[in-house]
Each structure stands twice: as C-alpha cells, then as structure tokens.
Amino acid sequence: MDGKKAVGIDGITKGGYSAYIEENLEMLERRIKNNLVKEALRCMFKAVFKPHFYEEMMGFRPGRGCH
C-alpha cells in the first residue's frame, strides 16, 4: 500500500501497523476465524429453525421488524 495515504478509521498508520505486524496478523486471523464460525452457525440455525416459524412471526427475523 502507498504509505502516503490517510490513516485508517482506527487511526493507525502503515508504519504503526507494521511495527507490530506479527501481533496484528494473529489478531486478524482470530477475528476472521471467529466471524467465519459465527456465520456458519447462523446459516445452520437458519436452515434448521426457519421452517418452524409461521409467516406471521416477525421479531428479529431478516427483513422483518419486531413491531
């Protein structure tokens, strides 16, 4: 990446990120794995439980409000 670009939303520069590159990469890997696991579970639960919902059930379902 071009080092002349503005800092990211977290305020860390390219040099600041690379100063702790090993720790940053490990943290990034943990976040990716954790989010992939959450997404896989969400898909599995959706496939299992969605058929049991009535069409009138609204709360906390994608594209439906709880009001």
PDB file of N, CA and C in Angstrom:
ATOM      1  N   MET A   1       0.838  -1.183   0.000  1.00  0.00           N
ATOM      2  CA  MET A   1       0.000   0.000   0.000  1.00  0.00           C
ATOM      3  C   MET A   1       0.881   1.243   0.000  1.00  0.00           C
ATOM      4  N   ASP A   2       0.355   2.286  -0.566  1.00  0.00           N
ATOM      5  CA  ASP A   2       1.057   3.561  -0.611  1.00  0.00           C
ATOM      6  C   ASP A   2       1.106   4.166   0.789  1.00  0.00           C
ATOM      7  N   GLY A   3       2.287   4.435   1.297  1.00  0.00           N
ATOM      8  CA  GLY A   3       2.459   4.977   2.631  1.00  0.00           C
ATOM      9  C   GLY A   3       1.999   6.419   2.779  1.00  0.00           C
ATOM     10  N   LYS A   4       1.636   7.076   1.683  1.00  0.00           N
ATOM     11  CA  LYS A   4       1.209   8.476   1.730  1.00  0.00           C
ATOM     12  C   LYS A   4      -0.293   8.625   1.932  1.00  0.00           C
ATOM     13  N   LYS A   5      -1.012   7.533   1.995  1.00  0.00           N
ATOM     14  CA  LYS A   5      -2.467   7.583   2.175  1.00  0.00           C
ATOM     15  C   LYS A   5      -2.812   7.975   3.603  1.00  0.00           C
ATOM     16  N   ALA A   6      -4.031   8.414   3.806  1.00  0.00           N
ATOM     17  CA  ALA A   6      -4.502   8.789   5.140  1.00  0.00           C
ATOM     18  C   ALA A   6      -4.572   7.558   6.033  1.00  0.00           C
ATOM     19  N   VAL A   7      -4.525   7.782   7.338  1.00  0.00           N
ATOM     20  CA  VAL A   7      -4.630   6.665   8.284  1.00  0.00           C
ATOM     21  C   VAL A   7      -6.015   6.051   8.197  1.00  0.00           C
ATOM     22  N   GLY A   8      -6.131   4.824   8.679  1.00  0.00           N
ATOM     23  CA  GLY A   8      -7.418   4.138   8.676  1.00  0.00           C
ATOM     24  C   GLY A   8      -8.346   4.680   9.739  1.00  0.00           C
ATOM     25  N   ILE A   9      -9.531   4.139   9.805  1.00  0.00           N
ATOM     26  CA  ILE A   9     -10.531   4.590  10.763  1.00  0.00           C
ATOM     27  C   ILE A   9     -10.061   4.399  12.199  1.00  0.00           C
ATOM     28  N   ASP A  10      -9.165   3.446  12.409  1.00  0.00           N
ATOM     29  CA  ASP A  10      -8.628   3.201  13.751  1.00  0.00           C
ATOM     30  C   ASP A  10      -7.482   4.146  14.107  1.00  0.00           C
ATOM     31  N   GLY A  11      -7.060   4.995  13.160  1.00  0.00           N
ATOM     32  CA  GLY A  11      -6.012   5.972  13.424  1.00  0.00           C
ATOM     33  C   GLY A  11      -4.607   5.417  13.357  1.00  0.00           C
ATOM     34  N   ILE A  12      -4.451   4.187  12.929  1.00  0.00           N
ATOM     35  CA  ILE A  12      -3.125   3.559  12.857  1.00  0.00           C
ATOM     36  C   ILE A  12      -2.536   3.751  11.463  1.00  0.00           C
ATOM     37  N   THR A  13      -1.310   4.215  11.427  1.00  0.00           N
ATOM     38  CA  THR A  13      -0.628   4.403  10.149  1.00  0.00           C
ATOM     39  C   THR A  13      -0.076   3.066   9.652  1.00  0.00           C
ATOM     40  N   LYS A  14       0.384   3.082   8.407  1.00  0.00           N
ATOM     41  CA  LYS A  14       1.008   1.877   7.848  1.00  0.00           C
ATOM     42  C   LYS A  14       2.231   1.473   8.676  1.00  0.00           C
ATOM     43  N   GLY A  15       3.048   2.462   9.067  1.00  0.00           N
ATOM     44  CA  GLY A  15       4.228   2.181   9.880  1.00  0.00           C
ATOM     45  C   GLY A  15       3.865   1.654  11.257  1.00  0.00           C
ATOM     46  N   GLY A  16       2.803   2.201  11.842  1.00  0.00           N
ATOM     47  CA  GLY A  16       2.352   1.740  13.155  1.00  0.00           C
ATOM     48  C   GLY A  16       1.849   0.311  13.111  1.00  0.00           C
ATOM     49  N   TYR A  17       1.155  -0.036  12.033  1.00  0.00           N
ATOM     50  CA  TYR A  17       0.651  -1.399  11.887  1.00  0.00           C
ATOM     51  C   TYR A  17       1.808  -2.372  11.694  1.00  0.00           C
ATOM     52  N   SER A  18       2.759  -1.984  10.872  1.00  0.00           N
ATOM     53  CA  SER A  18       3.869  -2.899  10.582  1.00  0.00           C
ATOM     54  C   SER A  18       4.826  -3.043  11.765  1.00  0.00           C
ATOM     55  N   ALA A  19       4.810  -2.089  12.705  1.00  0.00           N
ATOM     56  CA  ALA A  19       5.673  -2.203  13.875  1.00  0.00           C
ATOM     57  C   ALA A  19       5.297  -3.408  14.735  1.00  0.00           C
ATOM     58  N   TYR A  20       4.040  -3.781  14.703  1.00  0.00           N
ATOM     59  CA  TYR A  20       3.543  -4.938  15.469  1.00  0.00           C
ATOM     60  C   TYR A  20       2.880  -5.934  14.520  1.00  0.00           C
ATOM     61  N   ILE A  21       3.530  -6.175  13.398  1.00  0.00           N
ATOM     62  CA  ILE A  21       2.915  -6.962  12.327  1.00  0.00           C
ATOM     63  C   ILE A  21       2.515  -8.366  12.767  1.00  0.00           C
ATOM     64  N   GLU A  22       3.348  -9.056  13.527  1.00  0.00           N
ATOM     65  CA  GLU A  22       3.021 -10.424  13.945  1.00  0.00           C
ATOM     66  C   GLU A  22       1.768 -10.449  14.815  1.00  0.00           C
ATOM     67  N   GLU A  23       1.711  -9.555  15.801  1.00  0.00           N
ATOM     68  CA  GLU A  23       0.546  -9.494  16.692  1.00  0.00           C
ATOM     69  C   GLU A  23      -0.707  -9.097  15.915  1.00  0.00           C
ATOM     70  N   ASN A  24      -0.549  -8.121  15.003  1.00  0.00           N
ATOM     71  CA  ASN A  24      -1.697  -7.672  14.220  1.00  0.00           C
ATOM     72  C   ASN A  24      -2.226  -8.771  13.305  1.00  0.00           C
ATOM     73  N   LEU A  25      -1.334  -9.527  12.693  1.00  0.00           N
ATOM     74  CA  LEU A  25      -1.761 -10.607  11.806  1.00  0.00           C
ATOM     75  C   LEU A  25      -2.435 -11.740  12.592  1.00  0.00           C
ATOM     76  N   GLU A  26      -1.914 -12.033  13.783  1.00  0.00           N
ATOM     77  CA  GLU A  26      -2.549 -13.061  14.618  1.00  0.00           C
ATOM     78  C   GLU A  26      -3.942 -12.634  15.040  1.00  0.00           C
ATOM     79  N   MET A  27      -4.096 -11.364  15.417  1.00  0.00           N
ATOM     80  CA  MET A  27      -5.406 -10.849  15.807  1.00  0.00           C
ATOM     81  C   MET A  27      -6.371 -10.876  14.620  1.00  0.00           C
ATOM     82  N   LEU A  28      -5.888 -10.495  13.451  1.00  0.00           N
ATOM     83  CA  LEU A  28      -6.710 -10.527  12.243  1.00  0.00           C
ATOM     84  C   LEU A  28      -7.159 -11.952  11.934  1.00  0.00           C
ATOM     85  N   GLU A  29      -6.253 -12.904  12.056  1.00  0.00           N
ATOM     86  CA  GLU A  29      -6.593 -14.305  11.808  1.00  0.00           C
ATOM     87  C   GLU A  29      -7.663 -14.800  12.774  1.00  0.00           C
ATOM     88  N   ARG A  30      -7.534 -14.452  14.066  1.00  0.00           N
ATOM     89  CA  ARG A  30      -8.536 -14.846  15.070  1.00  0.00           C
ATOM     90  C   ARG A  30      -9.899 -14.255  14.744  1.00  0.00           C
ATOM     91  N   ARG A  31      -9.907 -12.968  14.337  1.00  0.00           N
ATOM     92  CA  ARG A  31     -11.182 -12.310  14.018  1.00  0.00           C
ATOM     93  C   ARG A  31     -11.844 -12.961  12.807  1.00  0.00           C
ATOM     94  N   ILE A  32     -11.052 -13.289  11.794  1.00  0.00           N
ATOM     95  CA  ILE A  32     -11.608 -13.924  10.583  1.00  0.00           C
ATOM     96  C   ILE A  32     -12.178 -15.290  10.926  1.00  0.00           C
ATOM     97  N   LYS A  33     -11.418 -16.092  11.667  1.00  0.00           N
ATOM     98  CA  LYS A  33     -11.888 -17.432  12.035  1.00  0.00           C
ATOM     99  C   LYS A  33     -13.146 -17.348  12.897  1.00  0.00           C
ATOM    100  N   ASN A  34     -13.156 -16.449  13.861  1.00  0.00           N
ATOM    101  CA  ASN A  34     -14.297 -16.291  14.755  1.00  0.00           C
ATOM    102  C   ASN A  34     -15.542 -15.895  13.968  1.00  0.00           C
ATOM    103  N   ASN A  35     -15.393 -14.934  13.043  1.00  0.00           N
ATOM    104  CA  ASN A  35     -16.540 -14.495  12.259  1.00  0.00           C
ATOM    105  C   ASN A  35     -17.004 -15.575  11.294  1.00  0.00           C
ATOM    106  N   LEU A  36     -16.084 -16.361  10.731  1.00  0.00           N
ATOM    107  CA  LEU A  36     -16.494 -17.457   9.842  1.00  0.00           C
ATOM    108  C   LEU A  36     -17.280 -18.498  10.618  1.00  0.00           C
ATOM    109  N   VAL A  37     -16.873 -18.786  11.864  1.00  0.00           N
ATOM    110  CA  VAL A  37     -17.588 -19.756  12.685  1.00  0.00           C
ATOM    111  C   VAL A  37     -18.991 -19.235  12.999  1.00  0.00           C
ATOM    112  N   LYS A  38     -19.093 -17.967  13.358  1.00  0.00           N
ATOM    113  CA  LYS A  38     -20.394 -17.367  13.656  1.00  0.00           C
ATOM    114  C   LYS A  38     -21.309 -17.427  12.441  1.00  0.00           C
ATOM    115  N   GLU A  39     -20.770 -17.122  11.270  1.00  0.00           N
ATOM    116  CA  GLU A  39     -21.583 -17.140  10.048  1.00  0.00           C
ATOM    117  C   GLU A  39     -22.028 -18.561   9.718  1.00  0.00           C
ATOM    118  N   ALA A  40     -21.144 -19.540   9.903  1.00  0.00           N
ATOM    119  CA  ALA A  40     -21.511 -20.931   9.636  1.00  0.00           C
ATOM    120  C   ALA A  40     -22.632 -21.387  10.571  1.00  0.00           C
ATOM    121  N   LEU A  41     -22.533 -21.020  11.853  1.00  0.00           N
ATOM    122  CA  LEU A  41     -23.590 -21.372  12.812  1.00  0.00           C
ATOM    123  C   LEU A  41     -24.902 -20.679  12.469  1.00  0.00           C
ATOM    124  N   ARG A  42     -24.814 -19.405  12.059  1.00  0.00           N
ATOM    125  CA  ARG A  42     -26.025 -18.677  11.689  1.00  0.00           C
ATOM    126  C   ARG A  42     -26.732 -19.364  10.521  1.00  0.00           C
ATOM    127  N   CYS A  43     -25.975 -19.763   9.529  1.00  0.00           N
ATOM    128  CA  CYS A  43     -26.556 -20.450   8.366  1.00  0.00           C
ATOM    129  C   CYS A  43     -27.182 -21.784   8.761  1.00  0.00           C
ATOM    130  N   MET A  44     -26.501 -22.505   9.635  1.00  0.00           N
ATOM    131  CA  MET A  44     -27.011 -23.799  10.074  1.00  0.00           C
ATOM    132  C   MET A  44     -28.305 -23.627  10.874  1.00  0.00           C
ATOM    133  N   PHE A  45     -28.307 -22.696  11.833  1.00  0.00           N
ATOM    134  CA  PHE A  45     -29.517 -22.465  12.630  1.00  0.00           C
ATOM    135  C   PHE A  45     -30.675 -21.983  11.765  1.00  0.00           C
ATOM    136  N   LYS A  46     -30.369 -21.147  10.799  1.00  0.00           N
ATOM    137  CA  LYS A  46     -31.417 -20.643   9.900  1.00  0.00           C
ATOM    138  C   LYS A  46     -32.052 -21.806   9.131  1.00  0.00           C
ATOM    139  N   ALA A  47     -31.222 -22.700   8.615  1.00  0.00           N
ATOM    140  CA  ALA A  47     -31.742 -23.837   7.851  1.00  0.00           C
ATOM    141  C   ALA A  47     -32.576 -24.768   8.732  1.00  0.00           C
ATOM    142  N   VAL A  48     -32.186 -24.918   9.994  1.00  0.00           N
ATOM    143  CA  VAL A  48     -32.894 -25.823  10.899  1.00  0.00           C
ATOM    144  C   VAL A  48     -34.197 -25.217  11.401  1.00  0.00           C
ATOM    145  N   PHE A  49     -34.163 -23.947  11.825  1.00  0.00           N
ATOM    146  CA  PHE A  49     -35.309 -23.368  12.516  1.00  0.00           C
ATOM    147  C   PHE A  49     -36.276 -22.588  11.637  1.00  0.00           C
ATOM    148  N   LYS A  50     -35.838 -22.058  10.508  1.00  0.00           N
ATOM    149  CA  LYS A  50     -36.724 -21.247   9.673  1.00  0.00           C
ATOM    150  C   LYS A  50     -37.997 -21.987   9.270  1.00  0.00           C
ATOM    151  N   PRO A  51     -37.928 -23.257   8.920  1.00  0.00           N
ATOM    152  CA  PRO A  51     -39.168 -23.952   8.548  1.00  0.00           C
ATOM    153  C   PRO A  51     -40.197 -24.043   9.687  1.00  0.00           C
ATOM    154  N   HIS A  52     -39.773 -23.842  10.933  1.00  0.00           N
ATOM    155  CA  HIS A  52     -40.681 -23.944  12.068  1.00  0.00           C
ATOM    156  C   HIS A  52     -41.387 -22.635  12.401  1.00  0.00           C
ATOM    157  N   PHE A  53     -41.006 -21.534  11.751  1.00  0.00           N
ATOM    158  CA  PHE A  53     -41.635 -20.253  12.007  1.00  0.00           C
ATOM    159  C   PHE A  53     -42.873 -20.097  11.138  1.00  0.00           C
ATOM    160  N   TYR A  54     -43.887 -19.486  11.720  1.00  0.00           N
ATOM    161  CA  TYR A  54     -45.060 -19.122  10.946  1.00  0.00           C
ATOM    162  C   TYR A  54     -44.768 -17.830  10.194  1.00  0.00           C
ATOM    163  N   GLU A  55     -45.459 -17.608   9.123  1.00  0.00           N
ATOM    164  CA  GLU A  55     -45.266 -16.399   8.332  1.00  0.00           C
ATOM    165  C   GLU A  55     -45.590 -15.145   9.151  1.00  0.00           C
ATOM    166  N   GLU A  56     -46.472 -15.276  10.150  1.00  0.00           N
ATOM    167  CA  GLU A  56     -46.872 -14.131  10.970  1.00  0.00           C
ATOM    168  C   GLU A  56     -45.816 -13.755  12.012  1.00  0.00           C
ATOM    169  N   MET A  57     -44.856 -14.610  12.273  1.00  0.00           N
ATOM    170  CA  MET A  57     -43.815 -14.324  13.262  1.00  0.00           C
ATOM    171  C   MET A  57     -42.821 -13.327  12.666  1.00  0.00           C
ATOM    172  N   MET A  58     -42.670 -12.187  13.337  1.00  0.00           N
ATOM    173  CA  MET A  58     -41.880 -11.100  12.763  1.00  0.00           C
ATOM    174  C   MET A  58     -40.573 -10.816  13.486  1.00  0.00           C
ATOM    175  N   GLY A  59     -40.563 -10.809  14.799  1.00  0.00           N
ATOM    176  CA  GLY A  59     -39.454 -10.268  15.575  1.00  0.00           C
ATOM    177  C   GLY A  59     -38.099 -10.872  15.279  1.00  0.00           C
ATOM    178  N   PHE A  60     -37.156 -10.000  15.016  1.00  0.00           N
ATOM    179  CA  PHE A  60     -35.737 -10.345  14.867  1.00  0.00           C
ATOM    180  C   PHE A  60     -35.462 -11.329  13.734  1.00  0.00           C
ATOM    181  N   ARG A  61     -36.290 -11.300  12.708  1.00  0.00           N
ATOM    182  CA  ARG A  61     -36.031 -12.103  11.516  1.00  0.00           C
ATOM    183  C   ARG A  61     -35.597 -11.176  10.408  1.00  0.00           C
ATOM    184  N   PRO A  62     -34.724 -11.617   9.533  1.00  0.00           N
ATOM    185  CA  PRO A  62     -34.228 -10.748   8.447  1.00  0.00           C
ATOM    186  C   PRO A  62     -35.384 -10.193   7.613  1.00  0.00           C
ATOM    187  N   GLY A  63     -35.349  -8.885   7.421  1.00  0.00           N
ATOM    188  CA  GLY A  63     -36.359  -8.232   6.596  1.00  0.00           C
ATOM    189  C   GLY A  63     -37.674  -8.001   7.296  1.00  0.00           C
ATOM    190  N   ARG A  64     -37.741  -8.278   8.589  1.00  0.00           N
ATOM    191  CA  ARG A  64     -38.980  -8.097   9.353  1.00  0.00           C
ATOM    192  C   ARG A  64     -38.660  -7.348  10.630  1.00  0.00           C
ATOM    193  N   GLY A  65     -39.552  -6.476  11.021  1.00  0.00           N
ATOM    194  CA  GLY A  65     -39.365  -5.739  12.258  1.00  0.00           C
ATOM    195  C   GLY A  65     -40.055  -6.449  13.411  1.00  0.00           C
ATOM    196  N   CYS A  66     -39.812  -5.983  14.615  1.00  0.00           N
ATOM    197  CA  CYS A  66     -40.465  -6.601  15.768  1.00  0.00           C
ATOM    198  C   CYS A  66     -41.730  -5.829  16.159  1.00  0.00           C
ATOM    199  N   HIS A  67     -42.106  -4.825  15.384  1.00  0.00           N
ATOM    200  CA  HIS A  67     -43.321  -4.049  15.677  1.00  0.00           C
ATOM    201  C   HIS A  67     -44.424  -4.431  14.725  1.00  0.00           C
TER     202      HIS A  67
END
